[in-house]
Amino acid sequence: MPMRHTLAHTFGALALGVATSLLAATLPAQAQAPAAAPAAAPAAVTGSTLDAIRARGTLICGVGTGLAGFALPDSQGNWRGFDVDYCRAIAIALFNDPTKVRYVPTTAQVRFTALQSGEVDILSRNTTFTLSRDTSLGFDFAAINFYDGQGFMVKRSLGVANARALDGATICVQPGTTTEQNLADWARGARIQIRPVVIERLEDNLAAYNAGRCDAYTTDVSGLAAIRSAQANPNDHVILPDVISKEPLGPLVRHGDQRFTDLVRWIHFGLISAEEFGITAANAQQMLANDPRPDVQRILGRTSELGRMLGVDNAWMLNIIRGIGNYGEMFERNLTPIGLQRGRNALWTTPGGLQYAPPFR
């Protein structure tokens, strides 16, 4: 039986009225323009970001409000995760100290304003690389550190096998995201009806999904894996096989400060190159002393002046790798436990892998 005839009774008339009013408020605007975002970057932030960070003695890193595997405080209040490791890597490059970071949780609605205004030096959180964000908002994506795509999660008890079976369903989604626009675009293209329930805070969105206000939850597949892993009974939830968009994620910095952009970009490339050449947290010091390959010696700073070209010590990548490992180690430590496979985020030397670094020379 089609979902449109079986799901509506779940919530009653009140939830249906809320969802219908939200649909009327959001879909016309989505049909004409991208998801809402700040207009243009203000001129308040001037000077070198690198100089400001060094003078302050601390990197200010904008992260998400809490997503397992990517950015989440542990029981002692220390931030951990894949996105957090990039912040730690920058602090190591600048101060040789991974603790010199202040983490600022940002919602999808306020993240861009926080970066534009100088409240944070960088956004290291699940943010999709798009043309409008890379141009009109006054930002630069330093790298793509995770290739993702948008999907759907449902309760196993619904018996849904694919996204097209969500015809007539209510779907929880966060506003001010590419996710919101993708959902509307996909539904129109698939010629099915969905009723979005738009809630800003991630915690409130998940609460609505768990309480049954929504039949499905949609966001990037990486986010779905993180959310599923944090459920009381993860096996009660299913991530559907459909991926409805491209979501290349990466650290975001302000336009006009190429020195800082270069440093963030080459930290990512260094992590990829380290995995490619087999340099790990455990063997980096030994490879510095014994590995004869010129590429390895340049990455680890024994030869050339690559670090100084970026305004940091020549041992910057040696220190980073000893502190947090290479890209593969970061992935295995943070993302494998929540059920994510390497897939497109494998090295280019693996079939289907997209992670590729230019030469260190």
Protein backbone atom coordinates (compact mmCIF):
# COMPACT_ATOMS: atom_id res chain seq x y z
CA MET A 1 0.00 0.00 0.00
CA PRO A 2 1.47 3.45 -0.88
CA MET A 3 3.02 5.41 2.00
CA ARG A 4 0.61 8.36 1.40
CA HIS A 5 -2.29 6.14 2.51
CA THR A 6 -0.57 4.54 5.51
CA LEU A 7 1.55 7.13 7.31
CA ALA A 8 -0.75 10.08 7.97
CA HIS A 9 -2.54 8.44 10.90
CA THR A 10 0.75 8.40 12.87
CA PHE A 11 0.49 11.94 14.13
CA GLY A 12 -3.14 13.03 14.01
CA ALA A 13 -4.61 16.24 12.75
CA LEU A 14 -2.33 18.58 14.71
CA ALA A 15 0.94 17.29 13.26
CA LEU A 16 -0.56 17.23 9.80
CA GLY A 17 -1.61 20.87 10.10
CA VAL A 18 1.86 21.92 11.29
CA ALA A 19 3.58 20.07 8.47
CA THR A 20 1.20 21.45 5.84
CA SER A 21 1.72 25.03 6.97
CA LEU A 22 5.49 24.52 6.93
CA LEU A 23 5.29 23.17 3.39
CA ALA A 24 3.31 26.20 2.23
CA ALA A 25 5.83 28.53 3.86
CA THR A 26 8.97 26.88 2.49
CA LEU A 27 8.40 25.26 -0.90
CA PRO A 28 7.52 28.34 -3.02
CA ALA A 29 10.70 30.12 -1.93
CA GLN A 30 12.76 26.99 -2.57
CA ALA A 31 11.38 26.76 -6.09
CA GLN A 32 12.74 30.21 -6.92
CA ALA A 33 15.99 30.59 -4.96
CA PRO A 34 18.66 28.64 -3.04
CA ALA A 35 18.37 28.04 0.69
CA ALA A 36 18.62 31.23 2.70
CA ALA A 37 22.11 32.49 3.54
CA PRO A 38 23.76 35.72 4.62
CA ALA A 39 23.88 38.26 1.80
CA ALA A 40 27.47 39.41 1.52
CA ALA A 41 30.54 39.35 3.68
CA PRO A 42 30.94 42.47 5.85
CA ALA A 43 34.13 44.45 5.71
CA ALA A 44 34.73 44.21 9.47
CA VAL A 45 37.41 41.51 9.36
CA THR A 46 40.74 42.92 8.22
CA GLY A 47 44.37 41.91 8.52
CA SER A 48 46.02 38.51 8.47
CA THR A 49 44.18 35.61 10.07
CA LEU A 50 47.50 33.89 10.72
CA ASP A 51 48.85 36.97 12.50
CA ALA A 52 45.67 37.30 14.57
CA ILE A 53 45.79 33.64 15.61
CA ARG A 54 49.44 33.87 16.59
CA ALA A 55 48.92 37.07 18.54
CA ARG A 56 45.94 35.53 20.34
CA GLY A 57 47.80 32.27 20.97
CA THR A 58 44.70 30.21 20.09
CA LEU A 59 42.85 29.08 16.99
CA ILE A 60 39.08 29.68 17.18
CA CYS A 61 37.41 26.84 15.34
CA GLY A 62 33.71 26.78 14.45
CA VAL A 63 32.37 23.23 14.74
CA GLY A 64 28.90 21.66 14.74
CA THR A 65 26.73 21.53 17.81
CA GLY A 66 27.53 17.86 18.34
CA LEU A 67 27.75 15.02 15.79
CA ALA A 68 29.26 11.66 16.70
CA GLY A 69 32.44 10.90 14.77
CA PHE A 70 32.83 14.47 13.51
CA ALA A 71 32.65 16.86 16.47
CA LEU A 72 31.35 15.92 19.91
CA PRO A 73 32.56 16.65 23.46
CA ASP A 74 33.57 13.57 25.46
CA SER A 75 32.66 12.94 29.10
CA GLN A 76 35.38 15.39 30.20
CA GLY A 77 34.16 18.10 27.84
CA ASN A 78 37.03 17.62 25.36
CA TRP A 79 36.01 17.89 21.72
CA ARG A 80 36.71 14.78 19.62
CA GLY A 81 36.10 13.83 16.01
CA PHE A 82 37.16 14.03 12.37
CA ASP A 83 36.40 17.77 12.01
CA VAL A 84 38.04 18.45 15.37
CA ASP A 85 41.24 16.74 14.21
CA TYR A 86 41.59 19.31 11.42
CA CYS A 87 41.45 22.10 13.99
CA ARG A 88 44.05 20.30 16.10
CA ALA A 89 46.26 19.90 13.02
CA ILE A 90 46.22 23.66 12.38
CA ALA A 91 47.14 24.32 16.02
CA ILE A 92 50.03 21.87 15.74
CA ALA A 93 51.29 23.57 12.57
CA LEU A 94 51.19 27.01 14.21
CA PHE A 95 52.06 26.25 17.84
CA ASN A 96 53.15 22.58 17.91
CA ASP A 97 50.38 22.19 20.47
CA PRO A 98 47.03 20.53 19.61
CA THR A 99 45.35 22.01 22.69
CA LYS A 100 45.62 25.62 21.51
CA VAL A 101 42.12 25.59 20.02
CA ARG A 102 38.87 27.09 21.28
CA TYR A 103 35.85 25.31 19.86
CA VAL A 104 32.71 27.32 19.09
CA PRO A 105 29.59 25.24 18.36
CA THR A 106 27.63 26.74 15.45
CA THR A 107 24.21 25.86 14.06
CA ALA A 108 23.51 25.70 10.35
CA GLN A 109 21.71 29.04 10.61
CA VAL A 110 24.51 31.04 12.27
CA ARG A 111 27.71 29.35 11.02
CA PHE A 112 28.30 31.69 8.07
CA THR A 113 27.68 34.85 10.08
CA ALA A 114 30.14 33.58 12.72
CA LEU A 115 32.85 33.20 10.08
CA GLN A 116 32.08 36.45 8.25
CA SER A 117 32.15 38.49 11.45
CA GLY A 118 35.43 37.03 12.72
CA GLU A 119 33.83 35.24 15.66
CA VAL A 120 35.65 32.13 14.39
CA ASP A 121 38.79 31.77 12.26
CA ILE A 122 37.57 28.72 10.35
CA LEU A 123 34.53 26.48 10.01
CA SER A 124 35.44 22.82 10.36
CA ARG A 125 32.00 21.23 10.31
CA ASN A 126 29.68 19.53 7.84
CA THR A 127 29.41 22.34 5.26
CA THR A 128 28.84 21.65 1.57
CA PHE A 129 31.02 23.24 -1.11
CA THR A 130 28.66 25.15 -3.45
CA LEU A 131 29.14 27.91 -6.01
CA SER A 132 27.15 30.52 -4.06
CA ARG A 133 29.03 29.88 -0.83
CA ASP A 134 32.37 29.98 -2.60
CA THR A 135 31.60 33.31 -4.30
CA SER A 136 28.84 35.59 -3.04
CA LEU A 137 29.33 34.85 0.67
CA GLY A 138 33.01 35.81 0.64
CA PHE A 139 34.41 32.38 1.56
CA ASP A 140 36.95 29.87 0.28
CA PHE A 141 36.71 26.10 0.67
CA ALA A 142 40.29 25.14 1.41
CA ALA A 143 39.82 21.48 0.46
CA ILE A 144 37.28 18.68 0.15
CA ASN A 145 38.02 16.40 3.06
CA PHE A 146 34.87 14.27 2.86
CA TYR A 147 32.81 13.31 -0.20
CA ASP A 148 29.24 12.85 0.94
CA GLY A 149 25.65 12.78 -0.31
CA GLN A 150 22.18 13.30 1.13
CA GLY A 151 20.11 10.35 2.23
CA PHE A 152 17.19 9.30 4.42
CA MET A 153 16.81 7.40 7.69
CA VAL A 154 13.57 5.73 8.77
CA LYS A 155 12.44 3.47 11.57
CA ARG A 156 12.79 -0.17 10.58
CA SER A 157 9.22 -0.78 11.73
CA LEU A 158 7.89 1.28 8.79
CA GLY A 159 9.11 -1.37 6.36
CA VAL A 160 10.34 1.21 3.83
CA ALA A 161 12.87 -0.12 1.31
CA ASN A 162 13.71 2.99 -0.74
CA ALA A 163 13.17 6.74 -0.85
CA ARG A 164 10.41 6.68 -3.49
CA ALA A 165 8.26 4.81 -0.98
CA LEU A 166 8.24 8.00 1.11
CA ASP A 167 5.50 9.44 -1.11
CA GLY A 168 3.13 11.21 1.30
CA ALA A 169 5.56 11.04 4.23
CA THR A 170 6.59 13.74 6.69
CA ILE A 171 10.35 14.35 6.73
CA CYS A 172 12.37 16.20 9.36
CA VAL A 173 14.96 18.63 7.93
CA GLN A 174 17.06 21.55 9.17
CA PRO A 175 16.54 25.01 7.63
CA GLY A 176 19.29 27.11 6.05
CA THR A 177 21.01 24.04 4.60
CA THR A 178 21.55 22.53 1.17
CA THR A 179 19.61 19.59 2.62
CA GLU A 180 16.38 21.57 2.72
CA GLN A 181 16.62 22.67 -0.92
CA ASN A 182 17.77 19.22 -2.10
CA LEU A 183 14.71 17.64 -0.48
CA ALA A 184 12.33 19.96 -2.32
CA ASP A 185 14.20 19.56 -5.63
CA TRP A 186 14.26 15.76 -5.34
CA ALA A 187 10.54 15.51 -4.50
CA ARG A 188 9.62 17.67 -7.50
CA GLY A 189 11.89 15.68 -9.80
CA ALA A 190 10.55 12.36 -8.52
CA ARG A 191 6.96 13.67 -8.74
CA ILE A 192 6.09 12.63 -5.24
CA GLN A 193 4.57 14.54 -2.35
CA ILE A 194 6.44 15.02 0.92
CA ARG A 195 5.65 17.14 3.93
CA PRO A 196 8.81 18.71 5.42
CA VAL A 197 8.92 19.43 9.15
CA VAL A 198 11.52 22.22 9.39
CA ILE A 199 13.23 22.57 12.78
CA GLU A 200 16.46 24.51 13.32
CA ARG A 201 18.26 22.77 16.19
CA LEU A 202 19.65 19.31 15.48
CA GLU A 203 18.61 18.09 18.92
CA ASP A 204 15.02 19.24 18.38
CA ASN A 205 14.97 17.72 14.90
CA LEU A 206 16.02 14.34 16.25
CA ALA A 207 13.57 14.59 19.12
CA ALA A 208 10.79 15.17 16.59
CA TYR A 209 11.90 12.17 14.54
CA ASN A 210 12.15 9.90 17.58
CA ALA A 211 8.78 11.09 18.88
CA GLY A 212 7.10 10.16 15.60
CA ARG A 213 6.42 13.66 14.29
CA CYS A 214 8.34 12.68 11.15
CA ASP A 215 8.35 9.42 9.19
CA ALA A 216 11.93 10.06 8.04
CA TYR A 217 14.96 12.18 8.80
CA THR A 218 17.14 13.56 6.00
CA THR A 219 20.69 14.91 6.00
CA ASP A 220 24.09 13.85 4.65
CA VAL A 221 24.71 10.11 4.87
CA SER A 222 27.65 10.74 7.19
CA GLY A 223 25.33 12.62 9.54
CA LEU A 224 22.76 9.85 9.35
CA ALA A 225 25.41 7.29 10.32
CA ALA A 226 26.46 9.44 13.26
CA ILE A 227 22.86 9.94 14.38
CA ARG A 228 22.00 6.26 13.98
CA SER A 229 25.04 5.20 16.03
CA ALA A 230 23.88 7.42 18.90
CA GLN A 231 20.36 5.94 19.08
CA ALA A 232 19.44 3.69 22.01
CA ASN A 233 18.89 0.81 19.55
CA PRO A 234 20.68 1.61 16.27
CA ASN A 235 19.28 -1.49 14.57
CA ASP A 236 15.78 -0.03 14.93
CA HIS A 237 16.73 2.55 12.28
CA VAL A 238 17.59 2.04 8.61
CA ILE A 239 19.55 4.33 6.28
CA LEU A 240 17.92 3.94 2.88
CA PRO A 241 20.18 3.13 -0.10
CA ASP A 242 19.15 6.25 -2.08
CA VAL A 243 21.62 9.17 -2.29
CA ILE A 244 19.92 12.22 -3.81
CA SER A 245 22.74 14.78 -4.03
CA LYS A 246 26.46 15.50 -4.12
CA GLU A 247 27.72 16.95 -0.82
CA PRO A 248 31.48 17.66 -0.93
CA LEU A 249 32.37 18.81 2.59
CA GLY A 250 35.42 20.74 3.72
CA PRO A 251 36.92 23.43 5.95
CA LEU A 252 35.76 26.95 5.14
CA VAL A 253 37.75 30.19 5.53
CA ARG A 254 37.26 33.83 4.57
CA HIS A 255 38.19 35.26 1.17
CA GLY A 256 41.22 37.51 0.98
CA ASP A 257 43.66 35.70 3.26
CA GLN A 258 45.50 33.34 0.96
CA ARG A 259 48.26 32.50 3.47
CA PHE A 260 45.79 30.95 5.88
CA THR A 261 43.87 29.24 3.07
CA ASP A 262 47.10 27.73 1.73
CA LEU A 263 48.05 26.39 5.16
CA VAL A 264 44.66 24.71 5.72
CA ARG A 265 44.66 23.28 2.18
CA TRP A 266 48.14 21.81 2.43
CA ILE A 267 47.48 20.33 5.87
CA HIS A 268 44.74 18.30 4.21
CA PHE A 269 47.02 17.36 1.31
CA GLY A 270 49.73 16.42 3.79
CA LEU A 271 47.39 14.05 5.63
CA ILE A 272 46.44 12.40 2.32
CA SER A 273 50.07 12.17 1.18
CA ALA A 274 51.14 10.69 4.50
CA GLU A 275 48.65 7.85 4.08
CA GLU A 276 49.74 7.35 0.47
CA PHE A 277 53.39 6.97 1.50
CA GLY A 278 52.64 4.88 4.58
CA ILE A 279 53.66 7.52 7.13
CA THR A 280 51.78 6.99 10.40
CA ALA A 281 51.75 8.42 13.90
CA ALA A 282 53.78 5.43 15.07
CA ASN A 283 56.47 5.41 12.37
CA ALA A 284 56.83 9.07 11.28
CA GLN A 285 59.97 9.71 13.33
CA GLN A 286 61.58 6.50 12.11
CA MET A 287 60.75 7.28 8.48
CA LEU A 288 62.29 10.73 8.89
CA ALA A 289 65.55 9.08 9.87
CA ASN A 290 65.56 6.08 7.54
CA ASP A 291 63.23 6.36 4.55
CA PRO A 292 65.23 7.27 1.41
CA ARG A 293 62.29 8.43 -0.73
CA PRO A 294 62.58 12.14 -1.60
CA ASP A 295 58.82 12.66 -1.29
CA VAL A 296 58.83 11.33 2.27
CA GLN A 297 61.77 13.51 3.24
CA ARG A 298 60.07 16.62 1.82
CA ILE A 299 56.77 15.86 3.58
CA LEU A 300 58.51 15.32 6.92
CA GLY A 301 60.66 18.44 6.54
CA ARG A 302 64.17 17.02 6.39
CA THR A 303 64.76 18.47 2.93
CA SER A 304 63.42 21.57 1.16
CA GLU A 305 61.79 24.61 2.75
CA LEU A 306 58.14 23.74 2.18
CA GLY A 307 57.06 24.61 5.71
CA ARG A 308 58.66 28.02 5.58
CA MET A 309 56.86 28.71 2.30
CA LEU A 310 53.63 28.37 4.30
CA GLY A 311 54.89 30.45 7.22
CA VAL A 312 55.39 27.52 9.62
CA ASP A 313 58.22 25.29 10.79
CA ASN A 314 59.58 22.82 8.23
CA ALA A 315 58.64 20.00 10.63
CA TRP A 316 54.95 21.01 10.50
CA MET A 317 53.72 17.79 8.87
CA LEU A 318 56.00 15.59 10.97
CA ASN A 319 54.48 17.15 14.08
CA ILE A 320 50.92 16.85 12.75
CA ILE A 321 51.30 13.20 11.78
CA ARG A 322 52.90 12.32 15.11
CA GLY A 323 50.04 14.09 16.87
CA ILE A 324 46.94 12.89 14.99
CA GLY A 325 48.10 10.38 12.36
CA ASN A 326 47.41 10.41 8.63
CA TYR A 327 44.04 10.76 6.88
CA GLY A 328 43.35 7.03 7.04
CA GLU A 329 44.13 6.90 10.75
CA MET A 330 41.80 9.84 11.37
CA PHE A 331 39.04 8.13 9.41
CA GLU A 332 39.48 4.81 11.19
CA ARG A 333 39.60 6.41 14.63
CA ASN A 334 36.59 8.69 14.20
CA LEU A 335 34.33 7.48 11.39
CA THR A 336 34.72 3.72 11.12
CA PRO A 337 33.18 3.22 14.60
CA ILE A 338 29.94 4.94 13.50
CA GLY A 339 29.62 2.61 10.52
CA LEU A 340 31.05 4.72 7.68
CA GLN A 341 33.07 3.01 4.96
CA ARG A 342 35.88 4.73 3.05
CA GLY A 343 34.06 4.50 -0.31
CA ARG A 344 34.75 7.67 -2.32
CA ASN A 345 36.96 8.89 0.52
CA ALA A 346 39.53 6.19 -0.14
CA LEU A 347 42.83 7.20 -1.74
CA TRP A 348 42.89 7.65 -5.49
CA THR A 349 45.04 4.51 -5.68
CA THR A 350 41.97 2.48 -4.60
CA PRO A 351 39.18 1.81 -7.16
CA GLY A 352 36.53 4.49 -6.68
CA GLY A 353 38.66 6.57 -4.30
CA LEU A 354 38.71 10.34 -4.82
CA GLN A 355 41.18 11.53 -2.21
CA TYR A 356 44.20 12.83 -4.10
CA ALA A 357 47.00 15.22 -3.12
CA PRO A 358 49.23 17.33 -5.42
CA PRO A 359 52.97 16.71 -5.11
CA PHE A 360 55.00 18.05 -2.19
CA ARG A 361 57.72 19.78 -4.14
